[in-house]
Amino acid sequence: MMDKITCVIVDDEPRGVKTLTSFISKYAPELELIGTAHNVREGVSLIHQVSPKLVFLDVEMPDGTGFNLLEKLGHTPFKLIFVTAFQEYAVKAFNLSAIDYLLKPLNPELFRNAVQKSVDSARIDDISLKLEVLLNNSKRINKIALPSSTGIQFAKIEDIIRCESDNNYTFIHLQNGQKVLVTKTLKEFETMLTEHGFYRTHNSHIVNIALVSKYVRGEGGWVVLENGEEIEVSRRRKEGLLSAMTFK
């Protein structure tokens, strides 16, 4: 029998702790809950005391945030799943940093998926890099995590020229000429990058509007990027692109 993965919960809401405790018992037999804490101070003390392999961490607590707790710990030798009620800015920051998170109220299937992903693929040496991007993005979003089969690369959003679909993967083309194959779909990047000045010109392409130098008319036409690449524009996306370029 494999050793269980020890975990703790840091959450100021009794209902939240109760729900997570129940979910761990029902849906995550590979986990062993070894402690709970209800604020930043207790959380820091508990983690130092029991050295868990996985932490479920609330974002907002009475004496600070989950980010404050991580800053106080300094080193983060454990896997991490944030638990949050925020569904806008904070969640965008989580997505861009590739940090695992759960939204309240908790959903059993999403809980199971997050635990499985954390147990299977999150490497401890990636966590500190992800957290650095998350903490920076929680103040001003400007970086994105690019998870690949070999690890995680971080890039400034402004350095992305375009994203190109490759079935369930995406090629990210950077201004330095690098081409990174990322284990996310183009749809996921469309969701994350649209509000940062990117536009999906075609089923297979998203472009950084700031790096478009020219639009060439046609049935749908195409755009010419600053690096000279020509990217097709589908007929149904033409008007939206021209509007986005006009007001960029």
C-alpha atoms as a PDB file:
ATOM      1  CA  MET A   1       0.000   0.000   0.000  1.00  0.00           C
ATOM      2  CA  MET A   2       1.290   3.452  -0.930  1.00  0.00           C
ATOM      3  CA  ASP A   3       1.815   5.986   1.831  1.00  0.00           C
ATOM      4  CA  LYS A   4      -0.942   8.550   2.021  1.00  0.00           C
ATOM      5  CA  ILE A   5      -0.278  12.173   1.119  1.00  0.00           C
ATOM      6  CA  THR A   6      -0.508  14.288   4.252  1.00  0.00           C
ATOM      7  CA  CYS A   7      -2.507  17.499   3.962  1.00  0.00           C
ATOM      8  CA  VAL A   8      -3.762  20.407   6.040  1.00  0.00           C
ATOM      9  CA  ILE A   9      -6.575  22.940   5.631  1.00  0.00           C
ATOM     10  CA  VAL A  10      -6.114  26.656   6.350  1.00  0.00           C
ATOM     11  CA  ASP A  11      -9.541  28.333   6.163  1.00  0.00           C
ATOM     12  CA  ASP A  12     -11.268  30.739   8.537  1.00  0.00           C
ATOM     13  CA  GLU A  13     -14.806  29.552   7.692  1.00  0.00           C
ATOM     14  CA  PRO A  14     -15.989  26.565   9.807  1.00  0.00           C
ATOM     15  CA  ARG A  15     -18.311  25.512   6.990  1.00  0.00           C
ATOM     16  CA  GLY A  16     -15.424  25.575   4.533  1.00  0.00           C
ATOM     17  CA  VAL A  17     -13.266  23.401   6.799  1.00  0.00           C
ATOM     18  CA  LYS A  18     -16.154  20.988   7.352  1.00  0.00           C
ATOM     19  CA  THR A  19     -16.823  20.681   3.608  1.00  0.00           C
ATOM     20  CA  LEU A  20     -13.182  20.120   2.717  1.00  0.00           C
ATOM     21  CA  THR A  21     -12.815  17.563   5.510  1.00  0.00           C
ATOM     22  CA  SER A  22     -15.843  15.694   4.167  1.00  0.00           C
ATOM     23  CA  PHE A  23     -14.594  15.865   0.564  1.00  0.00           C
ATOM     24  CA  ILE A  24     -11.172  14.534   1.535  1.00  0.00           C
ATOM     25  CA  SER A  25     -12.806  11.599   3.315  1.00  0.00           C
ATOM     26  CA  LYS A  26     -15.254  10.834   0.490  1.00  0.00           C
ATOM     27  CA  TYR A  27     -13.379  11.687  -2.697  1.00  0.00           C
ATOM     28  CA  ALA A  28      -9.641  11.626  -1.970  1.00  0.00           C
ATOM     29  CA  PRO A  29      -8.629   8.336  -0.300  1.00  0.00           C
ATOM     30  CA  GLU A  30      -4.986   9.032  -1.148  1.00  0.00           C
ATOM     31  CA  LEU A  31      -4.982  12.028   1.235  1.00  0.00           C
ATOM     32  CA  GLU A  32      -4.597  12.042   5.008  1.00  0.00           C
ATOM     33  CA  LEU A  33      -5.806  15.181   6.798  1.00  0.00           C
ATOM     34  CA  ILE A  34      -3.399  15.890   9.677  1.00  0.00           C
ATOM     35  CA  GLY A  35      -4.481  19.343  10.815  1.00  0.00           C
ATOM     36  CA  THR A  36      -6.591  22.452  10.313  1.00  0.00           C
ATOM     37  CA  ALA A  37      -5.973  26.142  10.982  1.00  0.00           C
ATOM     38  CA  HIS A  38      -8.284  29.146  10.866  1.00  0.00           C
ATOM     39  CA  ASN A  39      -6.048  32.125  10.147  1.00  0.00           C
ATOM     40  CA  VAL A  40      -2.626  33.093   8.825  1.00  0.00           C
ATOM     41  CA  ARG A  41      -0.861  32.889  12.203  1.00  0.00           C
ATOM     42  CA  GLU A  42      -2.257  29.434  12.991  1.00  0.00           C
ATOM     43  CA  GLY A  43      -1.563  28.293   9.442  1.00  0.00           C
ATOM     44  CA  VAL A  44       2.123  29.235   9.571  1.00  0.00           C
ATOM     45  CA  SER A  45       2.512  27.486  12.931  1.00  0.00           C
ATOM     46  CA  LEU A  46       0.684  24.342  11.780  1.00  0.00           C
ATOM     47  CA  ILE A  47       2.669  24.000   8.558  1.00  0.00           C
ATOM     48  CA  HIS A  48       5.970  24.414  10.434  1.00  0.00           C
ATOM     49  CA  GLN A  49       4.841  21.829  12.975  1.00  0.00           C
ATOM     50  CA  VAL A  50       3.537  19.003  10.736  1.00  0.00           C
ATOM     51  CA  SER A  51       5.278  19.617   7.353  1.00  0.00           C
ATOM     52  CA  PRO A  52       2.356  18.563   5.103  1.00  0.00           C
ATOM     53  CA  LYS A  53       2.803  17.488   1.500  1.00  0.00           C
ATOM     54  CA  LEU A  54      -0.343  19.350   0.372  1.00  0.00           C
ATOM     55  CA  VAL A  55      -2.039  22.505   1.689  1.00  0.00           C
ATOM     56  CA  PHE A  56      -5.595  23.661   0.985  1.00  0.00           C
ATOM     57  CA  LEU A  57      -5.308  27.416   1.484  1.00  0.00           C
ATOM     58  CA  ASP A  58      -8.058  30.018   1.729  1.00  0.00           C
ATOM     59  CA  VAL A  59      -7.369  33.393   0.097  1.00  0.00           C
ATOM     60  CA  GLU A  60      -9.084  35.802   2.510  1.00  0.00           C
ATOM     61  CA  MET A  61      -8.735  35.357   6.299  1.00  0.00           C
ATOM     62  CA  PRO A  62      -9.251  37.710   9.285  1.00  0.00           C
ATOM     63  CA  ASP A  63      -5.557  38.436   9.850  1.00  0.00           C
ATOM     64  CA  GLY A  64      -4.402  38.500   6.235  1.00  0.00           C
ATOM     65  CA  THR A  65      -4.450  36.498   3.009  1.00  0.00           C
ATOM     66  CA  GLY A  66      -3.156  33.172   1.821  1.00  0.00           C
ATOM     67  CA  PHE A  67      -0.507  35.185  -0.032  1.00  0.00           C
ATOM     68  CA  ASN A  68       0.635  36.688   3.292  1.00  0.00           C
ATOM     69  CA  LEU A  69       0.927  33.186   4.754  1.00  0.00           C
ATOM     70  CA  LEU A  70       3.167  32.057   1.894  1.00  0.00           C
ATOM     71  CA  GLU A  71       5.329  35.157   2.221  1.00  0.00           C
ATOM     72  CA  LYS A  72       5.766  34.455   5.954  1.00  0.00           C
ATOM     73  CA  LEU A  73       6.769  30.851   5.259  1.00  0.00           C
ATOM     74  CA  GLY A  74       9.347  31.925   2.676  1.00  0.00           C
ATOM     75  CA  HIS A  75      10.131  28.412   1.407  1.00  0.00           C
ATOM     76  CA  THR A  76       7.197  26.353   0.098  1.00  0.00           C
ATOM     77  CA  PRO A  77       8.112  22.639   0.184  1.00  0.00           C
ATOM     78  CA  PHE A  78       4.568  21.403  -0.422  1.00  0.00           C
ATOM     79  CA  LYS A  79       1.935  21.221  -3.117  1.00  0.00           C
ATOM     80  CA  LEU A  80      -0.802  23.805  -2.957  1.00  0.00           C
ATOM     81  CA  ILE A  81      -4.472  24.210  -3.841  1.00  0.00           C
ATOM     82  CA  PHE A  82      -6.050  27.611  -3.188  1.00  0.00           C
ATOM     83  CA  VAL A  83      -9.686  27.782  -2.106  1.00  0.00           C
ATOM     84  CA  THR A  84     -11.437  31.041  -2.970  1.00  0.00           C
ATOM     85  CA  ALA A  85     -14.839  32.671  -3.300  1.00  0.00           C
ATOM     86  CA  PHE A  86     -13.467  35.226  -5.756  1.00  0.00           C
ATOM     87  CA  GLN A  87     -14.474  34.641  -9.356  1.00  0.00           C
ATOM     88  CA  GLU A  88     -12.900  37.549 -11.203  1.00  0.00           C
ATOM     89  CA  TYR A  89      -9.478  39.153 -10.776  1.00  0.00           C
ATOM     90  CA  ALA A  90      -7.997  36.556  -8.411  1.00  0.00           C
ATOM     91  CA  VAL A  91      -9.139  33.649 -10.571  1.00  0.00           C
ATOM     92  CA  LYS A  92      -7.558  35.240 -13.656  1.00  0.00           C
ATOM     93  CA  ALA A  93      -4.314  35.530 -11.728  1.00  0.00           C
ATOM     94  CA  PHE A  94      -4.551  31.843 -10.762  1.00  0.00           C
ATOM     95  CA  ASN A  95      -5.184  30.776 -14.362  1.00  0.00           C
ATOM     96  CA  LEU A  96      -2.262  32.774 -15.718  1.00  0.00           C
ATOM     97  CA  SER A  97       0.105  31.353 -13.091  1.00  0.00           C
ATOM     98  CA  ALA A  98      -1.092  27.726 -13.498  1.00  0.00           C
ATOM     99  CA  ILE A  99      -1.734  27.465  -9.744  1.00  0.00           C
ATOM    100  CA  ASP A 100      -4.489  25.017  -8.820  1.00  0.00           C
ATOM    101  CA  TYR A 101      -7.561  26.514  -7.170  1.00  0.00           C
ATOM    102  CA  LEU A 102     -11.098  25.628  -6.130  1.00  0.00           C
ATOM    103  CA  LEU A 103     -14.052  27.995  -6.127  1.00  0.00           C
ATOM    104  CA  LYS A 104     -16.499  28.144  -3.234  1.00  0.00           C
ATOM    105  CA  PRO A 105     -19.030  26.615  -2.946  1.00  0.00           C
ATOM    106  CA  LEU A 106     -17.006  23.490  -3.621  1.00  0.00           C
ATOM    107  CA  ASN A 107     -17.965  21.002  -6.308  1.00  0.00           C
ATOM    108  CA  PRO A 108     -17.046  17.312  -5.747  1.00  0.00           C
ATOM    109  CA  GLU A 109     -15.961  16.679  -9.341  1.00  0.00           C
ATOM    110  CA  LEU A 110     -13.799  19.804  -9.538  1.00  0.00           C
ATOM    111  CA  PHE A 111     -12.336  18.969  -6.116  1.00  0.00           C
ATOM    112  CA  ARG A 112     -11.403  15.497  -7.312  1.00  0.00           C
ATOM    113  CA  ASN A 113      -9.880  16.876 -10.514  1.00  0.00           C
ATOM    114  CA  ALA A 114      -7.784  19.433  -8.614  1.00  0.00           C
ATOM    115  CA  VAL A 115      -6.472  16.821  -6.188  1.00  0.00           C
ATOM    116  CA  GLN A 116      -5.668  14.388  -8.995  1.00  0.00           C
ATOM    117  CA  LYS A 117      -3.868  17.075 -10.971  1.00  0.00           C
ATOM    118  CA  SER A 118      -1.885  18.175  -7.948  1.00  0.00           C
ATOM    119  CA  VAL A 119      -0.912  14.639  -6.957  1.00  0.00           C
ATOM    120  CA  ASP A 120      -0.031  13.527 -10.481  1.00  0.00           C
ATOM    121  CA  SER A 121       1.691  16.476 -12.062  1.00  0.00           C
ATOM    122  CA  ALA A 122       2.578  19.354  -9.747  1.00  0.00           C
ATOM    123  CA  ARG A 123       6.273  19.194  -8.949  1.00  0.00           C
ATOM    124  CA  ILE A 124       7.501  20.834  -5.779  1.00  0.00           C
ATOM    125  CA  ASP A 125      10.249  22.716  -7.631  1.00  0.00           C
ATOM    126  CA  ASP A 126       7.628  24.381  -9.849  1.00  0.00           C
ATOM    127  CA  ILE A 127       5.570  25.746  -6.954  1.00  0.00           C
ATOM    128  CA  SER A 128       7.834  28.634  -5.963  1.00  0.00           C
ATOM    129  CA  LEU A 129       8.006  29.835  -9.577  1.00  0.00           C
ATOM    130  CA  LYS A 130       4.233  29.634  -9.958  1.00  0.00           C
ATOM    131  CA  LEU A 131       3.753  31.506  -6.700  1.00  0.00           C
ATOM    132  CA  GLU A 132       6.124  34.266  -7.760  1.00  0.00           C
ATOM    133  CA  VAL A 133       4.037  34.845 -10.881  1.00  0.00           C
ATOM    134  CA  LEU A 134       0.779  34.578  -8.918  1.00  0.00           C
ATOM    135  CA  LEU A 135       1.876  37.113  -6.299  1.00  0.00           C
ATOM    136  CA  ASN A 136       3.067  39.536  -8.979  1.00  0.00           C
ATOM    137  CA  ASN A 137      -0.120  39.074 -10.993  1.00  0.00           C
ATOM    138  CA  SER A 138      -2.299  39.615  -7.917  1.00  0.00           C
ATOM    139  CA  LYS A 139      -1.052  43.209  -7.977  1.00  0.00           C
ATOM    140  CA  ARG A 140      -0.762  43.773 -11.726  1.00  0.00           C
ATOM    141  CA  ILE A 141      -1.266  40.984 -14.243  1.00  0.00           C
ATOM    142  CA  ASN A 142       1.689  40.917 -16.638  1.00  0.00           C
ATOM    143  CA  LYS A 143       3.044  37.363 -16.729  1.00  0.00           C
ATOM    144  CA  ILE A 144       1.743  33.972 -17.783  1.00  0.00           C
ATOM    145  CA  ALA A 145       2.833  30.417 -17.009  1.00  0.00           C
ATOM    146  CA  LEU A 146       3.394  28.177 -20.031  1.00  0.00           C
ATOM    147  CA  PRO A 147       3.253  24.539 -18.822  1.00  0.00           C
ATOM    148  CA  SER A 148       4.820  22.045 -21.214  1.00  0.00           C
ATOM    149  CA  SER A 149       5.762  18.363 -21.064  1.00  0.00           C
ATOM    150  CA  THR A 150       9.217  19.306 -19.752  1.00  0.00           C
ATOM    151  CA  GLY A 151       8.305  21.910 -17.133  1.00  0.00           C
ATOM    152  CA  ILE A 152       6.981  25.446 -16.898  1.00  0.00           C
ATOM    153  CA  GLN A 153       8.236  28.536 -18.673  1.00  0.00           C
ATOM    154  CA  PHE A 154       7.123  32.027 -17.681  1.00  0.00           C
ATOM    155  CA  ALA A 155       6.705  34.844 -20.182  1.00  0.00           C
ATOM    156  CA  LYS A 156       5.569  38.442 -20.148  1.00  0.00           C
ATOM    157  CA  ILE A 157       2.173  38.680 -21.832  1.00  0.00           C
ATOM    158  CA  GLU A 158       3.412  41.567 -23.990  1.00  0.00           C
ATOM    159  CA  ASP A 159       6.143  39.274 -25.396  1.00  0.00           C
ATOM    160  CA  ILE A 160       3.619  36.852 -26.906  1.00  0.00           C
ATOM    161  CA  ILE A 161       3.187  37.479 -30.646  1.00  0.00           C
ATOM    162  CA  ARG A 162       0.527  34.879 -31.302  1.00  0.00           C
ATOM    163  CA  CYS A 163      -0.953  31.551 -30.191  1.00  0.00           C
ATOM    164  CA  GLU A 164      -1.494  28.707 -32.650  1.00  0.00           C
ATOM    165  CA  SER A 165      -3.712  25.668 -32.094  1.00  0.00           C
ATOM    166  CA  ASP A 166      -2.277  22.148 -32.262  1.00  0.00           C
ATOM    167  CA  ASN A 167      -5.285  19.983 -31.380  1.00  0.00           C
ATOM    168  CA  ASN A 168      -5.403  19.909 -27.547  1.00  0.00           C
ATOM    169  CA  TYR A 169      -2.117  21.799 -27.322  1.00  0.00           C
ATOM    170  CA  THR A 170      -1.067  25.328 -28.279  1.00  0.00           C
ATOM    171  CA  PHE A 171       2.114  26.740 -29.781  1.00  0.00           C
ATOM    172  CA  ILE A 172       3.048  30.068 -28.178  1.00  0.00           C
ATOM    173  CA  HIS A 173       5.173  32.271 -30.462  1.00  0.00           C
ATOM    174  CA  LEU A 174       7.357  34.771 -28.570  1.00  0.00           C
ATOM    175  CA  GLN A 175       9.077  37.935 -29.771  1.00  0.00           C
ATOM    176  CA  ASN A 176      12.516  36.395 -29.213  1.00  0.00           C
ATOM    177  CA  GLY A 177      11.701  33.796 -31.888  1.00  0.00           C
ATOM    178  CA  GLN A 178      10.985  30.995 -29.421  1.00  0.00           C
ATOM    179  CA  LYS A 179       8.081  28.627 -30.082  1.00  0.00           C
ATOM    180  CA  VAL A 180       6.729  26.860 -26.967  1.00  0.00           C
ATOM    181  CA  LEU A 181       4.333  23.884 -27.119  1.00  0.00           C
ATOM    182  CA  VAL A 182       1.963  24.303 -24.155  1.00  0.00           C
ATOM    183  CA  THR A 183      -0.375  21.721 -22.640  1.00  0.00           C
ATOM    184  CA  LYS A 184      -3.457  23.965 -22.855  1.00  0.00           C
ATOM    185  CA  THR A 185      -6.032  24.440 -25.602  1.00  0.00           C
ATOM    186  CA  LEU A 186      -6.339  27.572 -27.722  1.00  0.00           C
ATOM    187  CA  LYS A 187      -9.751  28.185 -26.140  1.00  0.00           C
ATOM    188  CA  GLU A 188      -8.124  28.399 -22.701  1.00  0.00           C
ATOM    189  CA  PHE A 189      -5.669  31.016 -23.984  1.00  0.00           C
ATOM    190  CA  GLU A 190      -8.516  32.931 -25.633  1.00  0.00           C
ATOM    191  CA  THR A 191     -10.256  33.119 -22.238  1.00  0.00           C
ATOM    192  CA  MET A 192      -7.084  34.260 -20.474  1.00  0.00           C
ATOM    193  CA  LEU A 193      -5.685  36.705 -23.030  1.00  0.00           C
ATOM    194  CA  THR A 194      -8.627  38.464 -24.706  1.00  0.00           C
ATOM    195  CA  GLU A 195      -8.777  41.231 -22.092  1.00  0.00           C
ATOM    196  CA  HIS A 196      -5.024  41.754 -22.494  1.00  0.00           C
ATOM    197  CA  GLY A 197      -5.313  42.905 -26.105  1.00  0.00           C
ATOM    198  CA  PHE A 198      -5.396  39.576 -27.946  1.00  0.00           C
ATOM    199  CA  TYR A 199      -7.958  38.565 -30.563  1.00  0.00           C
ATOM    200  CA  ARG A 200      -8.882  35.197 -32.070  1.00  0.00           C
ATOM    201  CA  THR A 201      -8.701  35.764 -35.816  1.00  0.00           C
ATOM    202  CA  HIS A 202      -9.359  32.171 -36.826  1.00  0.00           C
ATOM    203  CA  ASN A 203     -10.162  28.774 -35.309  1.00  0.00           C
ATOM    204  CA  SER A 204      -6.415  28.144 -35.190  1.00  0.00           C
ATOM    205  CA  HIS A 205      -4.950  31.557 -34.304  1.00  0.00           C
ATOM    206  CA  ILE A 206      -4.947  34.252 -31.614  1.00  0.00           C
ATOM    207  CA  VAL A 207      -2.859  37.376 -32.251  1.00  0.00           C
ATOM    208  CA  ASN A 208      -1.490  40.166 -30.076  1.00  0.00           C
ATOM    209  CA  ILE A 209      -3.239  43.210 -31.559  1.00  0.00           C
ATOM    210  CA  ALA A 210      -0.436  45.500 -30.363  1.00  0.00           C
ATOM    211  CA  LEU A 211       1.925  43.601 -32.688  1.00  0.00           C
ATOM    212  CA  VAL A 212      -0.282  43.766 -35.798  1.00  0.00           C
ATOM    213  CA  SER A 213       1.271  46.111 -38.359  1.00  0.00           C
ATOM    214  CA  LYS A 214      -1.249  45.747 -41.182  1.00  0.00           C
ATOM    215  CA  TYR A 215      -4.653  44.332 -42.141  1.00  0.00           C
ATOM    216  CA  VAL A 216      -5.085  43.151 -45.733  1.00  0.00           C
ATOM    217  CA  ARG A 217      -8.648  43.096 -47.043  1.00  0.00           C
ATOM    218  CA  GLY A 218     -10.242  39.985 -48.522  1.00  0.00           C
ATOM    219  CA  GLU A 219     -13.209  37.705 -47.843  1.00  0.00           C
ATOM    220  CA  GLY A 220     -11.871  37.509 -44.331  1.00  0.00           C
ATOM    221  CA  GLY A 221      -8.482  38.944 -45.111  1.00  0.00           C
ATOM    222  CA  TRP A 222      -5.344  38.481 -43.082  1.00  0.00           C
ATOM    223  CA  VAL A 223      -3.138  40.393 -40.697  1.00  0.00           C
ATOM    224  CA  VAL A 224       0.567  41.050 -41.038  1.00  0.00           C
ATOM    225  CA  LEU A 225       2.445  40.948 -37.748  1.00  0.00           C
ATOM    226  CA  GLU A 226       5.502  43.046 -36.909  1.00  0.00           C
ATOM    227  CA  ASN A 227       7.749  40.018 -37.452  1.00  0.00           C
ATOM    228  CA  GLY A 228       6.405  39.665 -41.017  1.00  0.00           C
ATOM    229  CA  GLU A 229       4.127  36.676 -40.414  1.00  0.00           C
ATOM    230  CA  GLU A 230       0.771  36.657 -42.203  1.00  0.00           C
ATOM    231  CA  ILE A 231      -2.167  35.196 -40.242  1.00  0.00           C
ATOM    232  CA  GLU A 232      -5.528  34.356 -41.796  1.00  0.00           C
ATOM    233  CA  VAL A 233      -8.708  36.057 -40.579  1.00  0.00           C
ATOM    234  CA  SER A 234     -11.960  34.104 -40.871  1.00  0.00           C
ATOM    235  CA  ARG A 235     -14.905  35.902 -42.451  1.00  0.00           C
ATOM    236  CA  ARG A 236     -17.037  35.747 -39.296  1.00  0.00           C
ATOM    237  CA  ARG A 237     -14.247  37.233 -37.143  1.00  0.00           C
ATOM    238  CA  LYS A 238     -13.335  40.076 -39.499  1.00  0.00           C
ATOM    239  CA  GLU A 239     -15.596  42.794 -38.064  1.00  0.00           C
ATOM    240  CA  GLY A 240     -14.674  41.970 -34.499  1.00  0.00           C
ATOM    241  CA  LEU A 241     -10.978  42.186 -35.337  1.00  0.00           C
ATOM    242  CA  LEU A 242     -11.328  45.552 -37.087  1.00  0.00           C
ATOM    243  CA  SER A 243     -13.286  46.876 -34.106  1.00  0.00           C
ATOM    244  CA  ALA A 244     -10.663  45.608 -31.664  1.00  0.00           C
ATOM    245  CA  MET A 245      -7.861  47.145 -33.737  1.00  0.00           C
ATOM    246  CA  THR A 246      -9.680  50.464 -33.956  1.00  0.00           C
ATOM    247  CA  PHE A 247     -10.057  50.774 -30.196  1.00  0.00           C
ATOM    248  CA  LYS A 248      -6.795  49.116 -29.120  1.00  0.00           C
END
